[in-house]
Amino acid sequence: MARSLTLWPRTLFGIIEPGLLCWAYYTLLLDPKKFYLDHYPVAGPLSITQAPTFAPQSEILVLLLGNVYLLLALLALVCVWTPCRPVAIRYLLVVALADLGHIYAFYRVWGGTFWDFGQWNDLMWGNVGVSVFLHVNRLATVMGVFGSERG
């Protein structure tokens, strides 16, 4: 079967990224409140009892975000493993644009703390650090840095 992407992009976007999205979905389902609270840095340890309220609206939004994670994982599988190169490339371009919005959301809320990498928690590294890594690799794939196979 002809492949639309070479080995590295196919592995990264067709196996690793969907796996990470499924892991994020799973973690979110295990403890939606912790997932919610970990999105913003705090000075010192913050116990769940000291945390801001977790309104039902917040829980709904967190669970809906999990649904988007699962959707993206499945969409990646379809678009990356297609033998049709234009579909894979357009998918990567659209998701590269979404990466920028994802990173900007954290920058906007974290403000000056955004650049203080020592303040970053695991969730911040996962959201921003991984998004930057994926974004660079998406653009490199689109530009043909990893070569190109035709489907």
N, C-alpha and C. Protein backbone atom coordinates (compact mmCIF):
# COMPACT_ATOMS: atom_id res chain seq x y z
N MET A 1 0.84 -1.19 0.00
CA MET A 1 0.00 0.00 0.00
C MET A 1 0.88 1.24 0.00
N ALA A 2 0.57 2.18 -0.85
CA ALA A 2 1.31 3.44 -0.90
C ALA A 2 1.05 4.25 0.36
N ARG A 3 2.05 4.96 0.79
CA ARG A 3 1.94 5.78 2.01
C ARG A 3 2.00 7.25 1.61
N SER A 4 1.25 8.07 2.31
CA SER A 4 1.27 9.50 2.01
C SER A 4 2.34 10.22 2.83
N LEU A 5 2.76 9.65 3.97
CA LEU A 5 3.78 10.26 4.81
C LEU A 5 4.91 9.26 5.05
N THR A 6 6.09 9.78 5.26
CA THR A 6 7.24 8.92 5.55
C THR A 6 7.17 8.40 6.98
N LEU A 7 8.12 7.56 7.33
CA LEU A 7 8.07 6.82 8.60
C LEU A 7 7.96 7.71 9.84
N TRP A 8 8.82 8.73 9.99
CA TRP A 8 8.79 9.55 11.21
C TRP A 8 7.45 10.27 11.38
N PRO A 9 6.97 11.03 10.37
CA PRO A 9 5.67 11.69 10.57
C PRO A 9 4.53 10.70 10.80
N ARG A 10 4.55 9.58 10.10
CA ARG A 10 3.50 8.57 10.27
C ARG A 10 3.53 8.02 11.69
N THR A 11 4.72 7.80 12.22
CA THR A 11 4.84 7.29 13.59
C THR A 11 4.43 8.34 14.61
N LEU A 12 4.93 9.57 14.42
CA LEU A 12 4.63 10.65 15.37
C LEU A 12 3.15 11.00 15.39
N PHE A 13 2.59 11.27 14.19
CA PHE A 13 1.21 11.76 14.13
C PHE A 13 0.17 10.64 14.04
N GLY A 14 0.60 9.42 13.70
CA GLY A 14 -0.35 8.33 13.55
C GLY A 14 -0.30 7.31 14.67
N ILE A 15 0.70 7.41 15.55
CA ILE A 15 0.79 6.47 16.68
C ILE A 15 1.01 7.23 17.99
N ILE A 16 2.09 8.00 18.05
CA ILE A 16 2.45 8.68 19.31
C ILE A 16 1.42 9.73 19.71
N GLU A 17 1.08 10.64 18.78
CA GLU A 17 0.13 11.70 19.14
C GLU A 17 -1.25 11.14 19.50
N PRO A 18 -1.83 10.21 18.72
CA PRO A 18 -3.11 9.65 19.16
C PRO A 18 -3.01 8.96 20.52
N GLY A 19 -1.86 8.32 20.78
CA GLY A 19 -1.66 7.69 22.08
C GLY A 19 -1.65 8.71 23.21
N LEU A 20 -0.95 9.83 22.99
CA LEU A 20 -0.93 10.90 24.00
C LEU A 20 -2.32 11.49 24.22
N LEU A 21 -3.07 11.67 23.15
CA LEU A 21 -4.43 12.20 23.28
C LEU A 21 -5.33 11.24 24.05
N CYS A 22 -5.18 9.95 23.79
CA CYS A 22 -5.97 8.96 24.54
C CYS A 22 -5.55 8.95 26.02
N TRP A 23 -4.25 9.11 26.28
CA TRP A 23 -3.77 9.17 27.66
C TRP A 23 -4.34 10.40 28.37
N ALA A 24 -4.36 11.55 27.68
CA ALA A 24 -4.93 12.77 28.27
C ALA A 24 -6.42 12.55 28.57
N TYR A 25 -7.11 11.92 27.66
CA TYR A 25 -8.53 11.62 27.86
C TYR A 25 -8.73 10.74 29.10
N TYR A 26 -7.91 9.72 29.21
CA TYR A 26 -7.99 8.79 30.35
C TYR A 26 -7.70 9.52 31.67
N THR A 27 -6.64 10.33 31.69
CA THR A 27 -6.28 11.05 32.92
C THR A 27 -7.38 12.02 33.32
N LEU A 28 -7.93 12.67 32.35
CA LEU A 28 -9.02 13.61 32.60
C LEU A 28 -10.22 12.90 33.21
N LEU A 29 -10.54 11.73 32.70
CA LEU A 29 -11.68 10.98 33.23
C LEU A 29 -11.43 10.49 34.65
N LEU A 30 -10.17 10.16 34.98
CA LEU A 30 -9.85 9.67 36.32
C LEU A 30 -10.13 10.71 37.39
N ASP A 31 -9.75 11.96 37.13
CA ASP A 31 -9.92 13.02 38.13
C ASP A 31 -10.11 14.36 37.42
N PRO A 32 -11.33 14.65 36.97
CA PRO A 32 -11.58 15.90 36.24
C PRO A 32 -11.20 17.15 37.04
N LYS A 33 -11.41 17.12 38.36
CA LYS A 33 -11.10 18.30 39.17
C LYS A 33 -9.60 18.56 39.20
N LYS A 34 -8.80 17.53 39.38
CA LYS A 34 -7.36 17.69 39.40
C LYS A 34 -6.88 18.18 38.03
N PHE A 35 -7.42 17.59 36.98
CA PHE A 35 -7.06 18.01 35.62
C PHE A 35 -7.36 19.50 35.44
N TYR A 36 -8.50 19.93 35.91
CA TYR A 36 -8.93 21.33 35.84
C TYR A 36 -7.98 22.24 36.63
N LEU A 37 -7.69 21.85 37.87
CA LEU A 37 -6.86 22.69 38.73
C LEU A 37 -5.41 22.76 38.27
N ASP A 38 -4.92 21.72 37.64
CA ASP A 38 -3.53 21.70 37.18
C ASP A 38 -3.26 22.64 36.00
N HIS A 39 -4.30 23.23 35.45
CA HIS A 39 -4.11 24.12 34.30
C HIS A 39 -3.59 25.50 34.68
N TYR A 40 -3.50 25.78 35.96
CA TYR A 40 -3.00 27.10 36.36
C TYR A 40 -1.99 26.94 37.49
N PRO A 41 -0.86 27.65 37.40
CA PRO A 41 0.18 27.49 38.43
C PRO A 41 -0.26 28.10 39.76
N VAL A 42 0.21 27.50 40.83
CA VAL A 42 -0.07 28.03 42.17
C VAL A 42 1.24 28.09 42.93
N ALA A 43 1.33 29.01 43.86
CA ALA A 43 2.52 29.11 44.71
C ALA A 43 2.40 28.07 45.80
N GLY A 44 3.24 27.06 45.77
CA GLY A 44 3.22 26.01 46.79
C GLY A 44 2.14 24.99 46.50
N PRO A 45 2.16 23.92 47.25
CA PRO A 45 1.16 22.87 47.03
C PRO A 45 -0.24 23.35 47.42
N LEU A 46 -1.19 22.99 46.61
CA LEU A 46 -2.57 23.38 46.86
C LEU A 46 -3.39 22.11 47.00
N SER A 47 -3.97 21.91 48.15
CA SER A 47 -4.76 20.70 48.32
C SER A 47 -6.12 20.89 47.67
N ILE A 48 -6.76 19.79 47.38
CA ILE A 48 -8.08 19.83 46.75
C ILE A 48 -9.06 20.58 47.64
N THR A 49 -8.91 20.49 48.96
CA THR A 49 -9.85 21.18 49.86
C THR A 49 -9.64 22.69 49.84
N GLN A 50 -8.42 23.16 49.52
CA GLN A 50 -8.16 24.59 49.45
C GLN A 50 -8.42 25.16 48.06
N ALA A 51 -8.64 24.31 47.11
CA ALA A 51 -8.76 24.73 45.72
C ALA A 51 -10.03 25.54 45.50
N PRO A 52 -10.00 26.35 44.45
CA PRO A 52 -11.22 27.08 44.09
C PRO A 52 -12.35 26.08 43.80
N THR A 53 -13.56 26.57 43.85
CA THR A 53 -14.69 25.66 43.61
C THR A 53 -14.62 25.08 42.20
N PHE A 54 -15.13 23.90 42.09
CA PHE A 54 -15.19 23.21 40.82
C PHE A 54 -16.67 23.10 40.46
N ALA A 55 -17.14 24.14 39.82
CA ALA A 55 -18.56 24.24 39.49
C ALA A 55 -18.95 23.15 38.49
N PRO A 56 -20.21 22.77 38.50
CA PRO A 56 -20.67 21.77 37.52
C PRO A 56 -20.36 22.19 36.08
N GLN A 57 -20.44 23.50 35.82
CA GLN A 57 -20.13 24.00 34.47
C GLN A 57 -18.67 23.69 34.11
N SER A 58 -17.78 23.82 35.09
CA SER A 58 -16.37 23.51 34.87
C SER A 58 -16.17 22.04 34.56
N GLU A 59 -16.87 21.20 35.30
CA GLU A 59 -16.75 19.76 35.06
C GLU A 59 -17.26 19.40 33.67
N ILE A 60 -18.35 20.01 33.26
CA ILE A 60 -18.88 19.76 31.92
C ILE A 60 -17.85 20.16 30.87
N LEU A 61 -17.25 21.34 31.04
CA LEU A 61 -16.25 21.80 30.07
C LEU A 61 -15.03 20.88 30.03
N VAL A 62 -14.58 20.41 31.18
CA VAL A 62 -13.44 19.50 31.22
C VAL A 62 -13.79 18.19 30.49
N LEU A 63 -14.97 17.66 30.75
CA LEU A 63 -15.37 16.42 30.09
C LEU A 63 -15.56 16.61 28.59
N LEU A 64 -16.05 17.78 28.19
CA LEU A 64 -16.17 18.07 26.75
C LEU A 64 -14.79 18.18 26.10
N LEU A 65 -13.83 18.74 26.83
CA LEU A 65 -12.45 18.80 26.33
C LEU A 65 -11.91 17.39 26.13
N GLY A 66 -12.21 16.51 27.04
CA GLY A 66 -11.81 15.12 26.89
C GLY A 66 -12.40 14.50 25.64
N ASN A 67 -13.64 14.84 25.35
CA ASN A 67 -14.28 14.36 24.14
C ASN A 67 -13.53 14.85 22.89
N VAL A 68 -13.06 16.09 22.93
CA VAL A 68 -12.29 16.65 21.82
C VAL A 68 -10.96 15.91 21.68
N TYR A 69 -10.32 15.57 22.79
CA TYR A 69 -9.08 14.80 22.75
C TYR A 69 -9.30 13.47 22.03
N LEU A 70 -10.37 12.79 22.40
CA LEU A 70 -10.67 11.50 21.79
C LEU A 70 -10.98 11.67 20.30
N LEU A 71 -11.73 12.69 19.96
CA LEU A 71 -12.05 12.98 18.57
C LEU A 71 -10.77 13.24 17.76
N LEU A 72 -9.87 14.05 18.31
CA LEU A 72 -8.61 14.34 17.61
C LEU A 72 -7.77 13.09 17.42
N ALA A 73 -7.76 12.21 18.41
CA ALA A 73 -6.99 10.97 18.30
C ALA A 73 -7.52 10.14 17.13
N LEU A 74 -8.83 10.01 17.05
CA LEU A 74 -9.42 9.21 15.97
C LEU A 74 -9.27 9.89 14.61
N LEU A 75 -9.41 11.20 14.58
CA LEU A 75 -9.23 11.95 13.34
C LEU A 75 -7.79 11.84 12.83
N ALA A 76 -6.85 11.87 13.75
CA ALA A 76 -5.44 11.72 13.37
C ALA A 76 -5.21 10.36 12.72
N LEU A 77 -5.79 9.33 13.28
CA LEU A 77 -5.63 7.99 12.72
C LEU A 77 -6.14 7.93 11.28
N VAL A 78 -7.29 8.53 11.05
CA VAL A 78 -7.87 8.52 9.70
C VAL A 78 -7.03 9.35 8.73
N CYS A 79 -6.68 10.56 9.13
CA CYS A 79 -5.99 11.48 8.22
C CYS A 79 -4.53 11.14 7.99
N VAL A 80 -3.85 10.62 8.98
CA VAL A 80 -2.42 10.33 8.84
C VAL A 80 -2.20 9.01 8.08
N TRP A 81 -3.07 8.06 8.29
CA TRP A 81 -2.88 6.75 7.65
C TRP A 81 -3.53 6.64 6.28
N THR A 82 -4.14 7.73 5.79
CA THR A 82 -4.71 7.70 4.46
C THR A 82 -3.60 7.61 3.41
N PRO A 83 -3.83 6.92 2.30
CA PRO A 83 -2.83 6.92 1.24
C PRO A 83 -2.88 8.22 0.41
N CYS A 84 -3.83 9.08 0.70
CA CYS A 84 -4.01 10.32 -0.06
C CYS A 84 -3.21 11.46 0.60
N ARG A 85 -2.05 11.77 0.03
CA ARG A 85 -1.16 12.78 0.61
C ARG A 85 -1.84 14.14 0.84
N PRO A 86 -2.62 14.67 -0.10
CA PRO A 86 -3.25 15.98 0.15
C PRO A 86 -4.11 16.00 1.42
N VAL A 87 -4.78 14.90 1.72
CA VAL A 87 -5.60 14.84 2.94
C VAL A 87 -4.70 14.93 4.17
N ALA A 88 -3.62 14.16 4.18
CA ALA A 88 -2.70 14.17 5.32
C ALA A 88 -2.07 15.55 5.50
N ILE A 89 -1.64 16.18 4.41
CA ILE A 89 -0.99 17.50 4.49
C ILE A 89 -1.98 18.56 4.95
N ARG A 90 -3.18 18.53 4.44
CA ARG A 90 -4.19 19.52 4.88
C ARG A 90 -4.53 19.34 6.35
N TYR A 91 -4.63 18.09 6.77
CA TYR A 91 -4.87 17.82 8.19
C TYR A 91 -3.74 18.42 9.04
N LEU A 92 -2.50 18.17 8.64
CA LEU A 92 -1.36 18.68 9.41
C LEU A 92 -1.36 20.21 9.44
N LEU A 93 -1.73 20.86 8.35
CA LEU A 93 -1.79 22.33 8.33
C LEU A 93 -2.88 22.86 9.26
N VAL A 94 -4.03 22.24 9.22
CA VAL A 94 -5.13 22.68 10.09
C VAL A 94 -4.77 22.49 11.56
N VAL A 95 -4.18 21.35 11.89
CA VAL A 95 -3.82 21.08 13.28
C VAL A 95 -2.64 21.97 13.70
N ALA A 96 -1.74 22.31 12.77
CA ALA A 96 -0.65 23.23 13.09
C ALA A 96 -1.21 24.60 13.47
N LEU A 97 -2.24 25.04 12.79
CA LEU A 97 -2.89 26.30 13.14
C LEU A 97 -3.54 26.19 14.52
N ALA A 98 -4.18 25.07 14.78
CA ALA A 98 -4.80 24.85 16.10
C ALA A 98 -3.76 24.81 17.21
N ASP A 99 -2.55 24.30 16.90
CA ASP A 99 -1.46 24.29 17.89
C ASP A 99 -1.20 25.72 18.38
N LEU A 100 -1.18 26.66 17.47
CA LEU A 100 -0.90 28.06 17.84
C LEU A 100 -1.98 28.61 18.78
N GLY A 101 -3.23 28.30 18.49
CA GLY A 101 -4.32 28.73 19.37
C GLY A 101 -4.21 28.08 20.74
N HIS A 102 -3.81 26.84 20.76
CA HIS A 102 -3.65 26.09 22.01
C HIS A 102 -2.55 26.72 22.87
N ILE A 103 -1.43 27.02 22.25
CA ILE A 103 -0.30 27.64 22.96
C ILE A 103 -0.67 29.05 23.43
N TYR A 104 -1.35 29.80 22.56
CA TYR A 104 -1.74 31.17 22.91
C TYR A 104 -2.68 31.20 24.12
N ALA A 105 -3.57 30.23 24.23
CA ALA A 105 -4.50 30.20 25.37
C ALA A 105 -3.73 30.16 26.68
N PHE A 106 -2.68 29.35 26.73
CA PHE A 106 -1.87 29.29 27.94
C PHE A 106 -1.08 30.58 28.16
N TYR A 107 -0.54 31.12 27.10
CA TYR A 107 0.21 32.38 27.21
C TYR A 107 -0.70 33.49 27.74
N ARG A 108 -1.89 33.56 27.20
CA ARG A 108 -2.82 34.63 27.59
C ARG A 108 -3.17 34.56 29.08
N VAL A 109 -3.39 33.37 29.59
CA VAL A 109 -3.81 33.23 30.99
C VAL A 109 -2.62 33.25 31.94
N TRP A 110 -1.52 32.61 31.57
CA TRP A 110 -0.37 32.54 32.46
C TRP A 110 0.40 33.85 32.50
N GLY A 111 0.27 34.68 31.48
CA GLY A 111 0.97 35.97 31.45
C GLY A 111 2.47 35.81 31.52
N GLY A 112 3.13 36.63 32.38
CA GLY A 112 4.59 36.59 32.52
C GLY A 112 5.10 35.26 33.02
N THR A 113 4.27 34.53 33.75
CA THR A 113 4.67 33.22 34.27
C THR A 113 4.88 32.23 33.13
N PHE A 114 4.29 32.50 31.99
CA PHE A 114 4.41 31.61 30.82
C PHE A 114 5.88 31.35 30.49
N TRP A 115 6.71 32.38 30.64
CA TRP A 115 8.13 32.26 30.27
C TRP A 115 8.99 31.74 31.42
N ASP A 116 8.42 31.53 32.59
CA ASP A 116 9.16 31.00 33.73
C ASP A 116 9.01 29.47 33.74
N PHE A 117 9.88 28.79 32.99
CA PHE A 117 9.76 27.35 32.81
C PHE A 117 9.86 26.58 34.11
N GLY A 118 10.46 27.17 35.13
CA GLY A 118 10.55 26.54 36.43
C GLY A 118 9.19 26.40 37.10
N GLN A 119 8.23 27.24 36.71
CA GLN A 119 6.88 27.19 37.26
C GLN A 119 5.99 26.17 36.54
N TRP A 120 6.46 25.66 35.43
CA TRP A 120 5.63 24.75 34.64
C TRP A 120 5.45 23.43 35.36
N ASN A 121 4.22 22.95 35.39
CA ASN A 121 3.93 21.62 35.94
C ASN A 121 3.86 20.62 34.77
N ASP A 122 3.61 19.37 35.08
CA ASP A 122 3.54 18.33 34.04
C ASP A 122 2.50 18.67 32.97
N LEU A 123 1.38 19.19 33.42
CA LEU A 123 0.31 19.50 32.48
C LEU A 123 0.72 20.62 31.53
N MET A 124 1.46 21.60 32.04
CA MET A 124 1.93 22.71 31.19
C MET A 124 2.93 22.18 30.17
N TRP A 125 3.85 21.32 30.60
CA TRP A 125 4.81 20.75 29.65
C TRP A 125 4.08 19.93 28.59
N GLY A 126 3.06 19.20 29.02
CA GLY A 126 2.29 18.41 28.08
C GLY A 126 1.51 19.26 27.10
N ASN A 127 0.92 20.33 27.58
CA ASN A 127 0.11 21.18 26.72
C ASN A 127 0.93 22.09 25.83
N VAL A 128 1.90 22.77 26.40
CA VAL A 128 2.66 23.74 25.62
C VAL A 128 3.92 23.12 25.01
N GLY A 129 4.71 22.45 25.84
CA GLY A 129 5.95 21.87 25.33
C GLY A 129 5.71 20.88 24.20
N VAL A 130 4.79 19.97 24.42
CA VAL A 130 4.48 18.97 23.40
C VAL A 130 3.83 19.63 22.18
N SER A 131 2.98 20.64 22.41
CA SER A 131 2.35 21.34 21.28
C SER A 131 3.39 22.03 20.40
N VAL A 132 4.39 22.64 21.01
CA VAL A 132 5.45 23.29 20.23
C VAL A 132 6.22 22.23 19.43
N PHE A 133 6.57 21.12 20.07
CA PHE A 133 7.28 20.04 19.40
C PHE A 133 6.47 19.51 18.21
N LEU A 134 5.19 19.24 18.43
CA LEU A 134 4.34 18.74 17.35
C LEU A 134 4.18 19.76 16.24
N HIS A 135 4.03 21.02 16.62
CA HIS A 135 3.87 22.10 15.63
C HIS A 135 5.08 22.16 14.70
N VAL A 136 6.27 22.15 15.27
CA VAL A 136 7.50 22.20 14.46
C VAL A 136 7.57 20.99 13.53
N ASN A 137 7.23 19.82 14.05
CA ASN A 137 7.26 18.61 13.23
C ASN A 137 6.18 18.61 12.15
N ARG A 138 5.02 19.19 12.44
CA ARG A 138 3.97 19.30 11.42
C ARG A 138 4.47 20.17 10.26
N LEU A 139 5.02 21.34 10.60
CA LEU A 139 5.50 22.23 9.55
C LEU A 139 6.65 21.60 8.77
N ALA A 140 7.54 20.92 9.46
CA ALA A 140 8.66 20.25 8.78
C ALA A 140 8.13 19.18 7.82
N THR A 141 7.11 18.47 8.23
CA THR A 141 6.52 17.44 7.36
C THR A 141 5.89 18.07 6.13
N VAL A 142 5.13 19.14 6.34
CA VAL A 142 4.48 19.82 5.22
C VAL A 142 5.52 20.37 4.24
N MET A 143 6.65 20.85 4.77
CA MET A 143 7.71 21.41 3.91
C MET A 143 8.58 20.32 3.28
N GLY A 144 8.34 19.07 3.61
CA GLY A 144 9.07 17.97 3.01
C GLY A 144 10.43 17.68 3.62
N VAL A 145 10.66 18.19 4.83
CA VAL A 145 11.95 17.97 5.50
C VAL A 145 12.22 16.48 5.70
N PHE A 146 11.18 15.70 5.95
CA PHE A 146 11.37 14.26 6.20
C PHE A 146 11.20 13.43 4.92
N GLY A 147 11.16 14.10 3.78
CA GLY A 147 10.94 13.42 2.51
C GLY A 147 9.45 13.34 2.22
N SER A 148 9.13 12.80 1.08
CA SER A 148 7.71 12.67 0.77
C SER A 148 7.48 11.41 -0.06
N GLU A 149 6.51 10.66 0.39
CA GLU A 149 6.06 9.50 -0.36
C GLU A 149 4.74 9.91 -1.00
N ARG A 150 4.46 9.40 -2.11
CA ARG A 150 3.19 9.74 -2.79
C ARG A 150 2.23 8.58 -2.70
N GLY A 151 0.97 8.92 -2.44
CA GLY A 151 -0.03 7.88 -2.36
C GLY A 151 -0.79 7.73 -3.64
